[in-house]
C-alpha cells in the first residue's frame, strides 16, 4: 500500500529534535525487486532509520551511505546489486536498485511533507540537484519520472476502510486490516463492537439512527464496507456511500439478498449507475461463513481494487 506516513513522521520528529536527516528514494529498478520505484527510507544522524528496500540485504549499507551524506551535506545516487560499486552486496533476485540520497536541512520542509501526507493529500516530491520541494500533483504515468537532473516522485494516500455494520466480522476486519497497515474507521449501532475496536481503529462511532451521517465522509482512496445483518440499517448509509468519492463500496450477503437490496435502494432514489458501483457479494472467496475468512476475503478484494484503480506503472 506504500503508506509513507511513518517515513515522513520520522523525518519530522528528527527535525524537531534538531537531528540532520536524509531521505532515500528508490528511483529505478533493474530486474526483480522487493520494492517498487518511489519507495523510501529515512536515516537520522544518530544512526536510527525507518523503511527498507530489501529483505535485509542492503539496509546496513544504505544507513552507512546516508550517514556519509549527512556529513558531506551533498546528495548522491548509488546503485546496489548488479553493476554496483559495492561488490560484496548482491540482491537475491539478481537485479539492481538505484537509490537517491537527499539531505533534508530545512525543518519547515520536513514539517510540510509530514503535514501533507497526514492530510491524505496527493503529493509530488521534486528532487533536483540536491534540492527537495513539494509540488502540486499533476498527471503522471509512473511513480517516478526523470527529466534530466529532475526527479519527480508521485504519491497518493494509502487505502483506508470505513467499516459499517455489526457482529464479529467487523472486529475481524479491523484486526486484519490494521495488522496489514490499513487504517480503519468504524460506524456501528452496537456499543459492544465500538468498545471492542476503539483501541485499534482510528475512529469508532456509535450509530444512533439508520440515517445518513456526517461521520461517513470517505475520500477517493477510501473503501466503504457494509457488514450489516439487519438490513434496515444499511439503505440510507449505502445511498450516501454510493454518492461519495469512495473508490470501492461493498456489502456482504447472498446474491438473493443483494437483489432485494438493489430494489429498495432504487426505491429511495439510488440510480442504476450508482447501484452498479456496489460490489456484492463482497470478497474474493465465495460463500464465506466465518468472520475471519470473510475479513480476509474482503481485505484481499479491497487491496486488489485499490491497485487496479491507482497502481502506477513501474
Protein backbone atom coordinates (compact mmCIF):
# COMPACT_ATOMS: atom_id res chain seq x y z
CA UNK A 1 0.00 0.00 0.00
CA UNK A 2 3.04 2.24 0.20
CA UNK A 3 1.97 4.01 3.39
CA UNK A 4 4.66 6.69 3.58
CA UNK A 5 3.34 8.45 6.69
CA UNK A 6 5.75 6.63 9.07
CA UNK A 7 8.70 7.74 6.91
CA UNK A 8 7.72 11.39 6.99
CA UNK A 9 6.69 11.28 10.64
CA UNK A 10 10.22 10.06 11.37
CA UNK A 11 11.77 12.92 9.37
CA UNK A 12 9.55 15.47 11.10
CA UNK A 13 10.25 14.11 14.59
CA UNK A 14 14.01 14.03 13.99
CA UNK A 15 13.97 17.57 12.58
CA UNK A 16 12.11 18.75 15.67
CA UNK A 17 14.87 17.14 17.74
CA UNK A 18 17.48 19.10 15.72
CA UNK A 19 18.74 15.95 14.02
CA UNK A 20 20.04 16.08 10.46
CA UNK A 21 18.30 13.59 8.20
CA UNK A 22 18.44 12.03 4.75
CA UNK A 23 15.53 10.91 2.59
CA UNK A 24 16.47 7.93 0.44
CA UNK A 25 14.34 7.27 -2.62
CA UNK A 26 14.23 4.19 -4.83
CA UNK A 27 14.30 5.79 -8.28
CA UNK A 28 14.89 2.81 -10.59
CA UNK A 29 14.83 -0.98 -10.59
CA UNK A 30 16.60 -3.34 -12.97
CA UNK A 31 15.29 -6.88 -12.93
CA UNK A 32 13.28 -8.05 -9.95
CA UNK A 33 12.98 -6.17 -6.66
CA UNK A 34 11.05 -6.42 -3.41
CA UNK A 35 10.15 -2.70 -3.65
CA UNK A 36 8.81 -0.53 -6.44
CA UNK A 37 10.21 2.84 -7.55
CA UNK A 38 9.01 5.60 -5.26
CA UNK A 39 9.65 3.67 -2.05
CA UNK A 40 11.58 5.50 0.66
CA UNK A 41 13.84 5.04 3.63
CA UNK A 42 14.93 7.75 6.05
CA UNK A 43 18.05 7.96 8.21
CA UNK A 44 18.96 10.39 11.01
CA UNK A 45 22.41 11.43 12.15
CA UNK A 46 22.05 9.36 15.34
CA UNK A 47 22.04 6.24 13.10
CA UNK A 48 18.35 5.47 13.50
CA UNK A 49 16.37 4.63 10.38
CA UNK A 50 12.97 3.63 9.09
CA UNK A 51 11.87 1.78 5.98
CA UNK A 52 13.53 -0.87 3.82
CA UNK A 53 14.35 -1.71 0.22
CA UNK A 54 15.07 -5.43 0.52
CA UNK A 55 14.80 -8.35 2.85
CA UNK A 56 17.85 -7.09 4.75
CA UNK A 57 20.47 -7.27 2.00
CA UNK A 58 21.23 -3.57 1.62
CA UNK A 59 19.81 -1.71 4.61
CA UNK A 60 23.05 -1.57 6.64
CA UNK A 61 24.92 -0.21 3.62
CA UNK A 62 22.15 2.31 2.98
CA UNK A 63 22.39 3.61 6.53
CA UNK A 64 26.19 3.89 6.28
CA UNK A 65 25.89 5.75 2.98
CA UNK A 66 23.25 8.06 4.41
CA UNK A 67 25.42 8.96 7.40
CA UNK A 68 28.20 9.89 4.99
CA UNK A 69 25.74 12.07 3.05
CA UNK A 70 24.81 13.82 6.29
CA UNK A 71 28.48 14.60 6.91
CA UNK A 72 29.03 15.93 3.40
CA UNK A 73 25.69 17.70 3.09
CA UNK A 74 25.56 16.74 -0.59
CA UNK A 75 23.20 14.32 -2.33
CA UNK A 76 24.36 11.26 -4.20
CA UNK A 77 22.97 8.46 -6.32
CA UNK A 78 24.11 4.90 -5.64
CA UNK A 79 23.33 1.57 -7.29
CA UNK A 80 23.08 -1.59 -5.22
CA UNK A 81 23.12 -5.05 -6.78
CA UNK A 82 24.30 -5.87 -10.30
CA UNK A 83 26.71 -3.20 -11.55
CA UNK A 84 27.16 -1.62 -8.12
CA UNK A 85 30.50 -0.44 -6.69
CA UNK A 86 29.53 -2.44 -3.59
CA UNK A 87 30.94 -5.74 -4.82
CA UNK A 88 30.08 -7.58 -1.62
CA UNK A 89 26.37 -6.67 -1.75
CA UNK A 90 24.19 -8.75 -4.06
CA UNK A 91 20.43 -8.83 -4.27
CA UNK A 92 18.98 -12.37 -4.18
CA UNK A 93 16.79 -11.51 -7.18
CA UNK A 94 19.92 -10.79 -9.24
CA UNK A 95 18.79 -7.30 -10.20
CA UNK A 96 19.77 -3.85 -9.03
CA UNK A 97 18.21 -0.79 -7.42
CA UNK A 98 19.19 2.86 -7.85
CA UNK A 99 18.84 4.99 -4.73
CA UNK A 100 18.94 8.77 -4.44
CA UNK A 101 20.17 10.14 -1.08
CA UNK A 102 18.83 13.65 -0.42
CA UNK A 103 19.77 15.52 2.78
CA UNK A 104 16.96 17.49 4.40
CA UNK A 105 18.32 20.56 6.13
CA UNK A 106 15.08 22.55 6.37
CA UNK A 107 12.93 21.82 9.42
CA UNK A 108 9.96 23.59 7.81
CA UNK A 109 10.21 21.31 4.78
CA UNK A 110 10.12 18.21 6.98
CA UNK A 111 7.02 19.58 8.70
CA UNK A 112 5.35 20.44 5.39
CA UNK A 113 5.98 16.98 3.94
CA UNK A 114 4.62 15.34 7.08
CA UNK A 115 1.51 17.52 7.17
CA UNK A 116 0.66 16.90 3.52
CA UNK A 117 0.94 13.15 3.94
CA UNK A 118 -1.04 13.19 7.19
CA UNK A 119 -3.85 15.15 5.49
CA UNK A 120 -4.11 12.35 2.91
CA UNK A 121 -3.27 14.73 0.09
CA UNK A 122 -1.71 13.53 -3.18
CA UNK A 123 1.90 14.59 -3.14
CA UNK A 124 4.64 15.15 -5.69
CA UNK A 125 8.19 15.48 -4.36
CA UNK A 126 10.64 17.23 -6.67
CA UNK A 127 14.28 16.23 -6.29
CA UNK A 128 16.74 18.31 -8.31
CA UNK A 129 20.47 18.85 -7.80
CA UNK A 130 20.23 18.29 -4.10
CA UNK A 131 17.14 20.39 -3.54
CA UNK A 132 13.85 18.91 -2.42
CA UNK A 133 10.47 20.55 -2.54
CA UNK A 134 6.76 19.79 -2.69
CA UNK A 135 4.86 20.40 -5.90
CA UNK A 136 1.20 20.26 -6.82
CA UNK A 137 0.20 16.80 -8.04
CA UNK A 138 -0.01 16.52 -11.81
CA UNK A 139 -0.91 13.94 -14.41
CA UNK A 140 1.62 11.15 -14.12
CA UNK A 141 2.45 7.95 -15.93
CA UNK A 142 4.62 6.31 -13.29
CA UNK A 143 5.57 6.65 -9.64
CA UNK A 144 8.98 8.12 -10.53
CA UNK A 145 9.62 10.31 -13.56
CA UNK A 146 13.02 11.68 -14.55
CA UNK A 147 13.80 14.60 -16.82
CA UNK A 148 17.49 15.41 -16.88
CA UNK A 149 18.57 16.05 -13.30
CA UNK A 150 14.99 16.50 -12.08
CA UNK A 151 13.25 13.55 -10.47
CA UNK A 152 9.54 13.68 -9.67
CA UNK A 153 8.22 11.19 -7.12
CA UNK A 154 4.43 10.89 -7.06
CA UNK A 155 2.49 9.61 -4.06
CA UNK A 156 -1.19 9.06 -3.39
CA UNK A 157 -2.76 8.33 0.00
CA UNK A 158 -2.85 4.69 1.09
CA UNK A 159 -6.12 2.78 1.21
CA UNK A 160 -8.38 3.33 4.20
CA UNK A 161 -11.50 1.45 5.29
CA UNK A 162 -14.82 2.81 6.52
CA UNK A 163 -16.46 -0.25 8.07
CA UNK A 164 -20.19 -0.05 8.79
CA UNK A 165 -22.04 -2.87 10.48
CA UNK A 166 -22.28 -5.11 13.48
CA UNK A 167 -21.17 -8.54 14.53
CA UNK A 168 -17.77 -10.25 14.85
CA UNK A 169 -16.87 -9.70 11.20
CA UNK A 170 -16.33 -6.00 11.93
CA UNK A 171 -13.83 -6.80 14.66
CA UNK A 172 -12.07 -9.39 12.46
CA UNK A 173 -11.67 -6.94 9.59
CA UNK A 174 -10.31 -4.22 11.87
CA UNK A 175 -7.72 -6.60 13.35
CA UNK A 176 -6.62 -7.93 9.98
CA UNK A 177 -6.51 -4.56 8.23
CA UNK A 178 -4.59 -2.75 10.95
CA UNK A 179 -2.04 -5.57 11.13
CA UNK A 180 -1.60 -5.17 7.36
CA UNK A 181 -1.14 -1.41 7.77
CA UNK A 182 -4.52 -0.07 6.63
CA UNK A 183 -6.34 2.40 8.88
CA UNK A 184 -9.98 1.72 9.69
CA UNK A 185 -12.87 3.90 10.86
CA UNK A 186 -15.90 2.06 12.24
CA UNK A 187 -19.57 3.02 12.44
CA UNK A 188 -21.84 0.59 14.26
CA UNK A 189 -25.14 0.62 16.15
CA UNK A 190 -23.68 -1.96 18.56
CA UNK A 191 -21.91 -0.46 21.60
CA UNK A 192 -20.06 -3.74 22.16
CA UNK A 193 -18.48 -3.53 18.69
CA UNK A 194 -17.44 0.08 19.26
CA UNK A 195 -15.85 -0.85 22.59
CA UNK A 196 -14.02 -3.81 21.01
CA UNK A 197 -12.42 -1.83 18.18
CA UNK A 198 -11.86 1.55 19.82
CA UNK A 199 -8.19 0.89 20.60
CA UNK A 200 -7.40 -0.38 17.09
CA UNK A 201 -9.47 1.81 14.77
CA UNK A 202 -8.55 5.44 14.10
CA UNK A 203 -12.22 6.28 14.79
CA UNK A 204 -15.11 4.28 16.23
CA UNK A 205 -18.51 5.94 16.47
CA UNK A 206 -21.91 4.68 17.58
CA UNK A 207 -24.73 4.94 15.06
CA UNK A 208 -27.94 6.00 16.79
CA UNK A 209 -30.22 6.05 13.75
CA UNK A 210 -30.12 4.33 10.34
CA UNK A 211 -29.82 7.64 8.54
CA UNK A 212 -27.09 9.38 6.55
CA UNK A 213 -24.44 10.83 8.81
CA UNK A 214 -21.67 13.40 8.63
CA UNK A 215 -19.43 10.75 10.21
CA UNK A 216 -19.32 8.98 6.84
CA UNK A 217 -17.23 11.17 4.54
CA UNK A 218 -14.87 8.94 2.50
CA UNK A 219 -12.17 10.40 0.29
CA UNK A 220 -11.30 8.88 -3.11
CA UNK A 221 -8.79 6.46 -1.54
CA UNK A 222 -11.27 5.02 0.99
CA UNK A 223 -13.30 1.82 0.70
CA UNK A 224 -16.73 1.55 2.35
CA UNK A 225 -17.53 -1.92 3.73
CA UNK A 226 -21.05 -2.88 4.83
CA UNK A 227 -21.33 -5.75 7.29
CA UNK A 228 -24.96 -5.36 8.41
CA UNK A 229 -27.10 -8.38 9.22
CA UNK A 230 -30.06 -6.10 9.95
CA UNK A 231 -30.57 -4.55 6.52
CA UNK A 232 -32.85 -1.82 7.86
CA UNK A 233 -29.64 -0.10 8.98
CA UNK A 234 -27.92 -0.03 5.62
CA UNK A 235 -30.13 1.63 2.99
CA UNK A 236 -29.59 5.34 3.70
CA UNK A 237 -25.92 4.79 4.53
CA UNK A 238 -25.36 2.85 1.33
CA UNK A 239 -27.01 5.61 -0.67
CA UNK A 240 -24.63 8.07 0.96
CA UNK A 241 -21.57 5.88 0.30
CA UNK A 242 -22.53 5.29 -3.34
CA UNK A 243 -22.86 9.05 -3.87
CA UNK A 244 -19.41 9.65 -2.38
CA UNK A 245 -15.97 9.54 -3.99
CA UNK A 246 -15.06 6.24 -2.29
CA UNK A 247 -13.17 4.01 -4.74
CA UNK A 248 -14.93 0.86 -3.50
CA UNK A 249 -18.31 0.14 -1.91
CA UNK A 250 -19.03 -3.46 -0.97
CA UNK A 251 -21.57 -5.38 1.10
CA UNK A 252 -21.86 -8.87 2.45
CA UNK A 253 -24.85 -11.11 1.77
CA UNK A 254 -26.01 -13.62 -0.81
CA UNK A 255 -26.93 -12.83 -4.40
CA UNK A 256 -30.60 -13.11 -3.37
CA UNK A 257 -30.00 -10.61 -0.59
CA UNK A 258 -28.28 -8.24 -2.99
CA UNK A 259 -31.14 -8.46 -5.50
CA UNK A 260 -33.54 -7.38 -2.74
CA UNK A 261 -31.07 -4.67 -1.72
CA UNK A 262 -30.97 -3.27 -5.24
CA UNK A 263 -34.77 -2.96 -5.22
CA UNK A 264 -35.01 -0.97 -2.00
CA UNK A 265 -32.03 1.20 -2.90
CA UNK A 266 -33.69 2.04 -6.22
CA UNK A 267 -36.88 2.89 -4.33
CA UNK A 268 -35.04 5.52 -2.28
CA UNK A 269 -33.53 7.15 -5.31
CA UNK A 270 -30.23 5.38 -5.96
CA UNK A 271 -29.55 5.45 -9.69
CA UNK A 272 -28.72 2.42 -11.79
CA UNK A 273 -25.24 3.82 -12.34
CA UNK A 274 -24.65 4.18 -8.60
CA UNK A 275 -26.03 0.69 -7.96
CA UNK A 276 -23.55 -0.70 -10.45
CA UNK A 277 -20.73 0.54 -8.19
CA UNK A 278 -21.78 -1.82 -5.40
CA UNK A 279 -19.66 -4.94 -5.04
CA UNK A 280 -21.82 -7.74 -3.65
CA UNK A 281 -21.46 -10.40 -2.50
CA UNK A 282 -18.27 -8.94 -1.10
CA UNK A 283 -14.86 -10.61 -1.21
CA UNK A 284 -12.66 -12.79 -3.40
CA UNK A 285 -13.59 -16.02 -1.61
CA UNK A 286 -17.19 -17.04 -2.41
CA UNK A 287 -19.72 -18.09 0.22
CA UNK A 288 -17.58 -17.36 3.27
CA UNK A 289 -19.34 -18.03 6.55
CA UNK A 290 -16.89 -17.42 9.36
CA UNK A 291 -15.86 -13.88 10.35
CA UNK A 292 -12.11 -14.35 9.89
CA UNK A 293 -12.42 -15.72 6.35
CA UNK A 294 -14.90 -13.02 5.40
CA UNK A 295 -12.48 -10.37 6.66
CA UNK A 296 -9.59 -11.92 4.70
CA UNK A 297 -11.74 -12.21 1.58
CA UNK A 298 -12.85 -8.58 1.91
CA UNK A 299 -9.38 -7.18 2.52
CA UNK A 300 -7.92 -9.06 -0.44
CA UNK A 301 -10.59 -7.66 -2.75
CA UNK A 302 -10.13 -4.11 -1.46
CA UNK A 303 -6.35 -4.26 -1.93
CA UNK A 304 -6.78 -5.66 -5.45
CA UNK A 305 -9.30 -2.93 -6.29
CA UNK A 306 -7.03 -0.20 -4.92
CA UNK A 307 -4.15 -1.31 -7.11
CA UNK A 308 -6.41 -1.60 -10.15
CA UNK A 309 -7.65 1.96 -9.61
CA UNK A 310 -4.45 3.68 -8.58
CA UNK A 311 -1.48 1.46 -9.39
CA UNK A 312 1.44 3.28 -11.01
CA UNK A 313 3.36 1.83 -13.90
CA UNK A 314 6.81 0.80 -12.74
